[in-house]
Protein backbone atom coordinates (compact mmCIF):
# COMPACT_ATOMS: atom_id res chain seq x y z
CA MET A 1 -103.20 134.07 215.55
CA THR A 2 -100.12 135.05 213.31
CA ARG A 3 -98.21 132.24 212.81
CA SER A 4 -94.62 132.57 210.99
CA VAL A 5 -92.79 131.02 208.62
CA ALA A 6 -89.16 131.53 207.50
CA VAL A 7 -87.25 131.10 204.39
CA ILE A 8 -83.58 130.27 204.33
CA GLY A 9 -82.31 131.19 200.89
CA GLY A 10 -83.98 134.16 198.51
CA GLY A 11 -83.09 132.34 195.42
CA PHE A 12 -85.99 130.50 192.70
CA SER A 13 -86.56 127.80 195.19
CA GLY A 14 -87.12 129.80 198.44
CA ALA A 15 -89.46 132.98 196.88
CA LEU A 16 -91.53 130.28 195.06
CA VAL A 17 -91.85 128.71 198.29
CA ALA A 18 -92.72 131.76 199.58
CA LEU A 19 -95.02 133.36 197.04
CA ASN A 20 -96.96 129.42 197.20
CA ILE A 21 -97.39 129.97 200.86
CA LEU A 22 -98.70 133.89 200.79
CA ALA A 23 -101.18 132.96 197.95
CA HIS A 24 -102.50 129.84 199.61
CA PRO A 25 -106.28 130.20 200.33
CA ALA A 26 -106.13 128.87 204.01
CA LEU A 27 -103.05 131.33 204.76
CA GLN A 28 -104.70 134.53 203.28
CA LYS A 29 -104.52 136.25 206.58
CA GLY A 30 -102.34 135.17 209.62
CA VAL A 31 -99.02 134.48 208.50
CA VAL A 32 -95.91 136.47 208.08
CA VAL A 33 -93.32 134.98 206.21
CA THR A 34 -89.70 135.92 205.97
CA ILE A 35 -87.19 135.40 203.35
CA ILE A 36 -83.57 135.14 204.44
CA ASP A 37 -80.57 135.50 201.78
CA PRO A 38 -76.82 136.67 202.63
CA ARG A 39 -77.04 138.76 198.82
CA GLY A 40 -80.08 140.75 199.56
CA THR A 41 -81.45 139.47 196.26
CA PHE A 42 -85.19 138.12 196.85
CA GLY A 43 -86.24 135.92 193.71
CA PRO A 44 -83.52 135.48 191.14
CA GLY A 45 -80.70 133.03 192.50
CA LEU A 46 -77.05 133.03 191.47
CA ALA A 47 -78.12 132.02 187.81
CA TYR A 48 -80.16 134.52 187.37
CA THR A 49 -78.14 137.15 188.18
CA VAL A 50 -75.40 136.95 185.40
CA PRO A 51 -72.68 139.56 183.70
CA SER A 52 -74.84 139.87 180.09
CA ASP A 53 -77.39 138.85 178.20
CA ARG A 54 -75.23 136.47 176.38
CA PHE A 55 -76.08 134.15 179.51
CA LYS A 56 -79.07 132.38 177.88
CA LEU A 57 -81.97 130.09 179.55
CA ASN A 58 -82.05 126.41 178.07
CA VAL A 59 -85.48 126.14 178.13
CA ARG A 60 -87.93 128.15 175.72
CA ALA A 61 -89.31 131.58 177.12
CA GLN A 62 -93.08 129.75 176.70
CA ALA A 63 -92.43 126.92 179.57
CA MET A 64 -90.52 129.23 182.06
CA GLY A 65 -93.66 130.49 184.04
CA ALA A 66 -92.86 130.16 187.98
CA PHE A 67 -96.22 128.45 188.96
CA PRO A 68 -97.25 125.29 187.75
CA HIS A 69 -100.71 126.33 186.63
CA ASP A 70 -98.99 129.36 184.80
CA PRO A 71 -96.03 128.00 182.59
CA ALA A 72 -96.63 130.64 180.12
CA GLY A 73 -96.30 133.23 183.25
CA PHE A 74 -92.70 134.36 181.92
CA LEU A 75 -93.90 134.90 178.62
CA GLN A 76 -96.76 137.01 179.47
CA TRP A 77 -94.46 139.06 181.47
CA LEU A 78 -91.72 139.46 178.85
CA ARG A 79 -94.57 140.85 176.54
CA SER A 80 -95.91 143.17 178.80
CA HIS A 81 -92.70 144.90 179.73
CA GLY A 82 -92.04 145.57 176.04
CA HIS A 83 -89.92 142.36 174.95
CA ASN A 84 -91.29 140.99 172.04
CA PHE A 85 -89.95 137.13 172.23
CA GLY A 86 -91.75 134.40 170.63
CA GLY A 87 -92.22 131.42 172.93
CA GLU A 88 -89.66 128.96 171.53
CA GLU A 89 -87.22 131.47 171.73
CA PHE A 90 -84.43 131.70 174.53
CA VAL A 91 -84.27 134.35 176.51
CA SER A 92 -81.10 135.87 178.57
CA ARG A 93 -81.23 134.71 182.21
CA ARG A 94 -81.12 138.32 183.27
CA LEU A 95 -84.57 139.03 182.00
CA TYR A 96 -85.69 136.07 183.91
CA GLY A 97 -84.19 137.04 187.11
CA LEU A 98 -85.95 140.57 186.82
CA TYR A 99 -88.97 138.49 186.57
CA LEU A 100 -88.49 136.81 189.68
CA GLN A 101 -87.42 139.98 191.18
CA ASP A 102 -90.39 141.51 190.20
CA LEU A 103 -92.68 138.45 191.31
CA VAL A 104 -91.57 139.33 195.02
CA SER A 105 -91.39 142.92 194.83
CA GLY A 106 -95.17 142.46 193.54
CA ALA A 107 -96.30 140.11 196.68
CA SER A 108 -94.26 142.58 199.12
CA ALA A 109 -96.34 145.56 198.00
CA SER A 110 -99.53 143.70 198.10
CA ARG A 111 -99.08 141.73 200.86
CA GLY A 112 -97.79 144.50 203.21
CA ASP A 113 -96.20 143.25 206.64
CA ALA A 114 -97.16 139.79 205.43
CA LEU A 115 -93.77 139.15 203.88
CA GLN A 116 -90.86 140.48 205.69
CA LEU A 117 -87.25 140.57 203.47
CA VAL A 118 -84.27 140.35 205.48
CA GLN A 119 -80.69 140.69 204.25
CA GLY A 120 -78.64 138.34 206.36
CA GLU A 121 -76.61 135.11 206.54
CA ALA A 122 -78.39 132.15 208.47
CA VAL A 123 -75.71 130.15 210.25
CA GLY A 124 -77.70 127.41 212.19
CA ILE A 125 -81.34 126.62 213.11
CA ALA A 126 -82.36 125.35 216.65
CA ASP A 127 -85.68 122.91 216.81
CA LEU A 128 -87.41 123.85 219.96
CA GLY A 129 -90.01 121.47 219.43
CA ALA A 130 -93.73 121.22 217.62
CA GLU A 131 -95.29 123.98 219.67
CA ARG A 132 -92.38 126.78 219.89
CA GLY A 133 -91.21 126.33 216.15
CA PHE A 134 -87.65 127.09 215.31
CA SER A 135 -85.11 130.01 216.45
CA ILE A 136 -82.64 130.70 213.18
CA ARG A 137 -79.31 132.15 213.89
CA LEU A 138 -77.89 134.83 212.13
CA ALA A 139 -74.62 135.55 211.39
CA ASP A 140 -74.49 139.15 213.41
CA SER A 141 -75.91 137.10 216.60
CA SER A 142 -79.61 138.37 216.12
CA SER A 143 -82.57 135.38 215.56
CA ILE A 144 -85.96 135.03 213.63
CA ALA A 145 -88.53 132.82 215.51
CA ALA A 146 -90.63 130.61 212.96
CA ASP A 147 -93.31 128.53 213.41
CA ALA A 148 -92.54 126.55 209.89
CA CYS A 149 -88.85 126.70 208.20
CA ILE A 150 -87.78 126.19 204.68
CA VAL A 151 -83.89 125.83 203.80
CA ALA A 152 -83.89 126.89 200.44
CA ILE A 153 -79.91 127.74 199.81
CA GLY A 154 -79.46 126.67 196.45
CA ASN A 155 -76.60 125.46 195.21
CA VAL A 156 -73.52 125.09 197.34
CA MET A 157 -70.32 125.85 195.15
CA ARG A 158 -66.93 124.14 194.91
CA LYS A 159 -64.17 126.41 195.32
CA GLY A 160 -61.30 124.97 193.26
CA VAL A 161 -60.05 121.73 192.22
CA GLY A 162 -57.09 119.26 193.09
CA PRO A 163 -55.64 119.31 196.77
CA ARG A 164 -55.20 123.35 196.47
CA ALA A 165 -58.90 123.36 196.27
CA GLY A 166 -59.29 126.91 198.26
CA ALA A 167 -56.65 128.85 195.94
CA PRO A 168 -58.19 131.63 193.72
CA ALA A 169 -56.52 130.18 190.42
CA LEU A 170 -60.02 129.46 188.86
CA LEU A 171 -62.89 131.81 189.05
CA ALA A 172 -66.63 132.06 189.06
CA PRO A 173 -68.42 132.10 186.04
CA TYR A 174 -71.22 134.30 187.35
CA ASP A 175 -69.32 136.90 188.71
CA PRO A 176 -68.78 140.11 186.56
CA GLY A 177 -65.17 140.56 187.90
CA SER A 178 -64.36 137.44 186.58
CA TYR A 179 -64.16 138.74 182.91
CA THR A 180 -62.49 142.06 183.64
CA GLY A 181 -59.70 142.36 181.14
CA ILE A 182 -60.51 139.23 179.50
CA ARG A 183 -59.61 140.83 176.22
CA ASP A 184 -55.94 141.16 177.07
CA CYS A 185 -55.29 137.80 177.79
CA SER A 186 -54.18 135.36 175.29
CA THR A 187 -55.13 131.84 177.13
CA ILE A 188 -58.31 130.57 178.86
CA LEU A 189 -58.70 127.13 181.24
CA ILE A 190 -62.18 125.60 182.07
CA VAL A 191 -62.95 123.21 184.02
CA GLY A 192 -65.95 121.52 183.05
CA SER A 193 -68.07 121.18 179.98
CA SER A 194 -71.80 121.69 180.99
CA LEU A 195 -74.18 124.65 179.66
CA THR A 196 -72.30 126.76 182.18
CA ALA A 197 -68.73 126.16 180.20
CA VAL A 198 -70.76 127.05 176.97
CA ASP A 199 -72.18 130.70 178.79
CA VAL A 200 -68.60 131.30 179.58
CA ILE A 201 -67.14 131.04 176.16
CA LEU A 202 -69.73 132.74 174.53
CA GLU A 203 -69.25 135.79 177.23
CA CYS A 204 -65.92 135.67 177.00
CA GLU A 205 -66.24 135.94 173.02
CA GLY A 206 -68.74 138.45 173.07
CA LEU A 207 -66.28 140.52 175.23
CA GLY A 208 -63.70 140.76 172.80
CA PHE A 209 -61.06 137.52 173.74
CA SER A 210 -59.59 136.11 170.48
CA GLY A 211 -57.17 133.67 172.08
CA HIS A 212 -57.02 129.92 173.00
CA TYR A 213 -59.61 128.18 174.75
CA SER A 214 -58.55 124.52 176.66
CA VAL A 215 -61.63 122.96 178.19
CA VAL A 216 -61.53 119.91 180.15
CA SER A 217 -64.16 117.70 181.92
CA ARG A 218 -64.10 114.23 183.02
CA HIS A 219 -65.42 112.61 179.80
CA GLY A 220 -64.80 115.26 177.05
CA ARG A 221 -68.57 116.11 175.95
CA PHE A 222 -70.62 119.30 175.51
CA PRO A 223 -74.19 119.38 175.90
CA LEU A 224 -76.53 118.42 172.39
CA PRO A 225 -78.83 121.36 170.68
CA HIS A 226 -81.76 121.70 171.24
CA GLU A 227 -83.48 120.24 168.35
CA ASP A 228 -87.00 121.41 166.21
CA LEU A 229 -89.45 119.61 168.33
CA SER A 230 -92.37 120.13 165.44
CA LEU A 231 -90.15 117.74 162.83
CA LEU A 232 -89.84 114.87 165.52
CA PRO A 233 -92.17 111.87 166.09
CA ALA A 234 -93.65 112.14 169.99
CA ALA A 235 -91.70 109.05 171.76
CA GLU A 236 -93.53 105.92 173.06
CA LEU A 237 -92.38 104.70 176.32
CA PRO A 238 -93.03 100.98 178.02
CA PRO A 239 -95.54 100.70 180.36
CA ALA A 240 -92.74 99.99 183.47
CA TRP A 241 -89.93 102.33 181.81
CA ASP A 242 -89.94 103.97 185.28
CA THR A 243 -89.26 100.96 187.40
CA PRO A 244 -86.09 99.51 185.22
CA GLY A 245 -84.67 97.36 188.33
CA THR A 246 -81.22 98.53 186.56
CA ALA A 247 -79.35 101.74 185.15
CA ARG A 248 -78.11 99.14 182.59
CA ASN A 249 -82.15 98.48 181.38
CA LEU A 250 -82.47 102.11 181.57
CA LEU A 251 -80.46 102.78 179.53
CA LYS A 252 -81.85 99.99 176.88
CA ILE A 253 -85.22 101.49 177.19
CA VAL A 254 -83.73 105.14 175.97
CA ARG A 255 -82.26 103.99 173.24
CA ARG A 256 -84.77 101.89 171.53
CA ALA A 257 -86.90 104.88 171.76
CA SER A 258 -84.56 107.11 170.66
CA ARG A 259 -83.74 105.09 168.01
CA ARG A 260 -87.59 104.95 166.91
CA CYS A 261 -87.61 108.82 167.41
CA GLY A 262 -84.52 109.14 165.34
CA SER A 263 -83.83 111.62 168.14
CA SER A 264 -83.11 111.17 172.22
CA GLN A 265 -85.19 114.61 172.87
CA PRO A 266 -88.65 113.59 172.58
CA VAL A 267 -87.74 110.53 174.85
CA PHE A 268 -86.39 112.89 177.51
CA ILE A 269 -89.59 115.02 177.38
CA ALA A 270 -91.55 111.98 178.18
CA MET A 271 -89.52 110.31 180.62
CA ARG A 272 -89.58 113.93 182.23
CA GLU A 273 -92.42 113.45 184.46
CA GLY A 274 -91.43 109.87 185.59
CA THR A 275 -87.75 110.64 186.26
CA GLN A 276 -87.96 111.19 189.77
CA ARG A 277 -90.02 107.66 190.45
CA MET A 278 -87.45 106.05 188.27
CA TRP A 279 -84.94 107.74 190.83
CA GLN A 280 -86.27 106.89 193.85
CA GLY A 281 -87.03 102.64 192.33
CA LEU A 282 -83.29 102.31 191.70
CA PRO A 283 -81.53 99.92 194.71
CA MET A 284 -78.63 102.08 196.30
CA SER A 285 -76.18 99.83 193.83
CA GLU A 286 -77.88 100.57 190.68
CA LYS A 287 -77.94 104.88 191.44
CA ARG A 288 -73.83 104.09 191.65
CA ALA A 289 -73.87 102.63 188.54
CA PHE A 290 -75.92 105.26 187.20
CA LEU A 291 -73.75 108.30 187.86
CA ARG A 292 -70.82 106.15 186.84
CA HIS A 293 -71.87 105.04 183.62
CA VAL A 294 -74.79 106.50 182.63
CA ARG A 295 -74.54 110.25 183.75
CA PRO A 296 -72.04 111.68 181.62
CA PHE A 297 -74.53 111.02 178.57
CA TRP A 298 -77.62 111.39 180.66
CA ASP A 299 -76.36 115.23 181.07
CA ILE A 300 -75.51 116.04 177.72
CA HIS A 301 -78.82 114.68 176.33
CA ARG A 302 -81.22 116.27 178.93
CA HIS A 303 -79.61 119.62 179.51
CA ARG A 304 -79.52 121.08 175.63
CA VAL A 305 -78.26 124.34 174.69
CA PRO A 306 -79.35 126.13 171.63
CA ALA A 307 -78.30 125.05 168.61
CA GLU A 308 -76.93 128.18 167.82
CA HIS A 309 -74.52 128.07 170.90
CA LEU A 310 -73.20 124.64 170.02
CA GLU A 311 -72.67 125.88 166.35
CA ALA A 312 -70.41 128.91 167.65
CA ILE A 313 -68.53 126.02 169.92
CA HIS A 314 -67.83 123.99 166.90
CA GLN A 315 -66.46 126.89 164.78
CA LEU A 316 -64.36 127.54 167.43
CA GLN A 317 -62.94 123.66 167.52
CA ALA A 318 -62.86 123.97 163.71
CA ALA A 319 -60.82 127.41 163.95
CA GLY A 320 -58.38 125.83 166.09
CA ARG A 321 -58.94 128.20 168.84
CA LEU A 322 -60.47 125.91 170.91
CA ALA A 323 -59.63 122.17 172.32
CA LEU A 324 -61.44 120.06 174.38
CA PHE A 325 -59.85 117.34 176.54
CA ALA A 326 -61.54 114.75 178.07
CA GLY A 327 -59.48 114.02 181.91
CA ARG A 328 -59.24 115.64 185.08
CA VAL A 329 -57.50 117.92 186.13
CA ILE A 330 -55.20 117.67 189.20
CA GLN A 331 -54.31 121.26 190.38
CA ALA A 332 -54.19 124.58 189.02
CA LYS A 333 -52.09 127.15 190.44
CA GLU A 334 -49.88 130.27 188.95
CA GLY A 335 -51.16 130.05 185.34
CA ILE A 336 -50.45 126.17 184.99
CA ALA A 337 -53.08 123.38 185.33
CA GLU A 338 -51.91 119.67 185.33
CA VAL A 339 -53.89 117.32 183.21
CA ALA A 340 -54.82 113.84 183.80
CA LEU A 341 -56.02 112.73 180.52
CA ARG A 342 -58.55 109.87 180.40
CA GLY A 343 -57.43 106.88 179.52
CA SER A 344 -53.79 107.58 179.60
CA THR A 345 -51.07 106.86 182.22
CA ALA A 346 -48.44 109.01 180.97
CA THR A 347 -47.25 111.73 182.74
CA PRO A 348 -50.04 114.62 183.16
CA THR A 349 -50.74 116.72 181.00
CA VAL A 350 -49.50 120.90 181.25
CA LEU A 351 -51.89 123.65 179.89
CA PRO A 352 -51.18 127.07 180.62
CA PHE A 353 -53.73 129.49 181.25
CA GLN A 354 -54.06 133.46 181.95
CA ARG A 355 -57.79 133.19 183.20
CA GLY A 356 -59.15 130.05 184.54
CA PHE A 357 -63.22 129.37 185.12
CA LEU A 358 -64.43 126.69 187.33
CA CYS A 359 -68.08 125.13 185.91
CA ILE A 360 -68.00 121.80 187.46
CA GLY A 361 -70.80 122.26 188.95
CA PRO A 362 -71.84 122.34 192.77
CA GLU A 363 -70.64 120.34 195.78
CA GLY A 364 -72.47 117.81 196.32
CA ASP A 365 -70.48 116.00 199.20
CA LEU A 366 -72.36 117.94 202.06
CA SER A 367 -69.81 116.88 204.37
CA ARG A 368 -66.98 119.16 202.76
CA SER A 369 -69.57 121.89 202.55
CA ALA A 370 -67.90 125.26 203.68
CA SER A 371 -71.57 126.44 204.75
CA PRO A 372 -71.97 127.27 208.66
CA LEU A 373 -75.46 126.70 208.17
CA VAL A 374 -74.90 123.41 206.64
CA LYS A 375 -72.47 122.58 208.69
CA ASP A 376 -74.85 123.33 211.64
CA LEU A 377 -77.62 120.89 210.23
CA ILE A 378 -75.27 118.33 210.42
CA ASP A 379 -73.80 118.33 213.42
CA SER A 380 -77.43 118.84 215.49
CA GLY A 381 -78.42 115.84 213.13
CA LEU A 382 -81.45 117.86 210.88
CA LEU A 383 -79.14 117.08 208.02
CA LYS A 384 -77.46 114.28 206.66
CA ALA A 385 -74.86 113.87 203.77
CA GLY A 386 -76.07 111.66 200.80
CA PRO A 387 -73.95 108.85 200.11
CA LEU A 388 -73.56 108.96 196.72
CA ALA A 389 -72.48 113.08 197.50
CA LEU A 390 -75.45 114.84 195.45
CA GLY A 391 -76.54 116.55 198.23
CA ALA A 392 -78.89 115.33 201.56
CA SER A 393 -79.58 112.15 202.27
CA PRO A 394 -83.20 111.01 201.85
CA GLU A 395 -83.27 109.74 205.15
CA CYS A 396 -82.29 113.24 207.46
CA SER A 397 -84.26 113.67 210.10
CA LEU A 398 -86.24 116.84 208.74
CA ARG A 399 -89.25 117.58 210.73
CA GLU A 400 -91.71 117.88 208.28
CA PRO A 401 -93.98 119.25 207.59
CA ARG A 402 -92.62 121.95 209.55
CA LEU A 403 -88.89 122.12 208.14
CA PHE A 404 -88.16 121.48 204.64
CA VAL A 405 -85.74 121.42 202.58
CA VAL A 406 -86.18 122.74 198.80
CA GLY A 407 -83.77 123.02 195.55
CA PRO A 408 -80.60 121.38 194.70
CA LEU A 409 -80.12 119.52 198.19
CA GLN A 410 -82.98 117.40 197.16
CA ARG A 411 -80.74 116.10 194.13
CA GLU A 412 -79.93 112.59 196.25
CA ALA A 413 -83.43 111.95 197.06
CA LEU A 414 -85.09 113.23 193.67
CA TRP A 415 -82.46 113.41 190.99
CA GLU A 416 -84.43 115.82 189.06
CA SER A 417 -84.51 118.60 191.35
CA THR A 418 -82.36 121.83 189.65
CA ALA A 419 -84.84 122.72 186.52
CA VAL A 420 -87.60 125.34 186.99
CA GLN A 421 -90.04 122.46 186.11
CA GLU A 422 -89.54 120.27 189.23
CA LEU A 423 -88.60 123.20 191.56
CA ARG A 424 -91.77 125.03 190.89
CA GLU A 425 -93.99 121.93 191.56
CA ARG A 426 -92.07 121.15 194.96
CA ALA A 427 -92.93 124.85 196.00
CA HIS A 428 -96.11 124.52 195.59
CA HIS A 429 -96.31 121.03 197.23
CA VAL A 430 -94.26 122.57 200.03
CA ALA A 431 -96.23 125.16 199.97
CA GLN A 432 -99.47 122.90 200.61
CA ARG A 433 -97.80 120.90 203.32
CA ILE A 434 -96.74 124.07 205.54
CA ALA A 435 -100.13 125.28 204.84
CA GLU A 436 -102.10 121.92 206.19
CA ALA A 437 -99.61 122.29 208.98
CA LEU A 438 -100.20 126.31 210.17
CA SER A 439 -104.11 126.09 210.01
């Protein structure tokens, strides 16, 4: 009897779940996996289909393998394809996307009809019961039947800021068309100061932009640089660090350990394995306190950039070509952004711009999502928007082990669910659960 699995989303999480299912010993025969993706790109998600090689990974190549048992797999792929990178180097996102695409293509070639790739947009899922499985409805009114289903749609992207959030004043950072004619502009507005914002600035510089950047984010901080770990001691954490009870206690633990190491980087590396346990153990009130008071600092210490990238940012600041503002964009329209500066009650600051980029991350409040699939899942009760506006609620009524959410939508439940290390572990786990259910 042939069993079927539908994976909605062909980016990193969806592709990795599919590959893990196909590789599972219990499912070597008698299973068909269908990946459904509106872009028709299978393997690399949005972050890995970028305009140029100036967009770099923020993790060293030696740790970016797609499977938990083979963290060096990406580095080996690079060398087998003629790219002579060292394990400590930060490689382009484009090359990583080609690696993922190659993994899917290889599985498709070796497994034949066991892997089906469908270009289309899933707009609804009907649960027909344990015996009949699911029916996935596509935008073209066709449907795909499956015994198990994985929702791996990646980040639900924001469209804008302020009351005119639907206006096209701010462009998508990963769209090559956003950079057309950029060297002819004199002013650029960037909303957000995260890893993506750094990527955008470096891309604009590489394309010949010579004007001024205005960067606005809630707390006005760029990520910290990666340091040379060989020069730093390993961090020692107290035995119960992952059950701190409060956000304040967690912050104290991190600060003490960082002072002993002389850097926070070894501390966050040591905490990596237990971060999800820590998050799940915090009461809801403390999760809210973490997001309000700790998250801005956590993000810049946890998600770092290559040191040379940050040095380029500092040089732009020193030359007077980049100004970083701590504040909130009230609205951005017709080349003018109104910004409420942090801690100020004065009239909003007006920043002119000829080109604007939206780099504030995904839309976590699923109740505001424009995705037809997310709306359908919420309306049917299969999915519930989380109260912290980070993604799907941990209390949603997904029918595990037949219906799963993987990827960034799990941030409400797991916090760490956007980086390769956590995503590849989750993909392996879900494949194991589905194999047990189907076999």
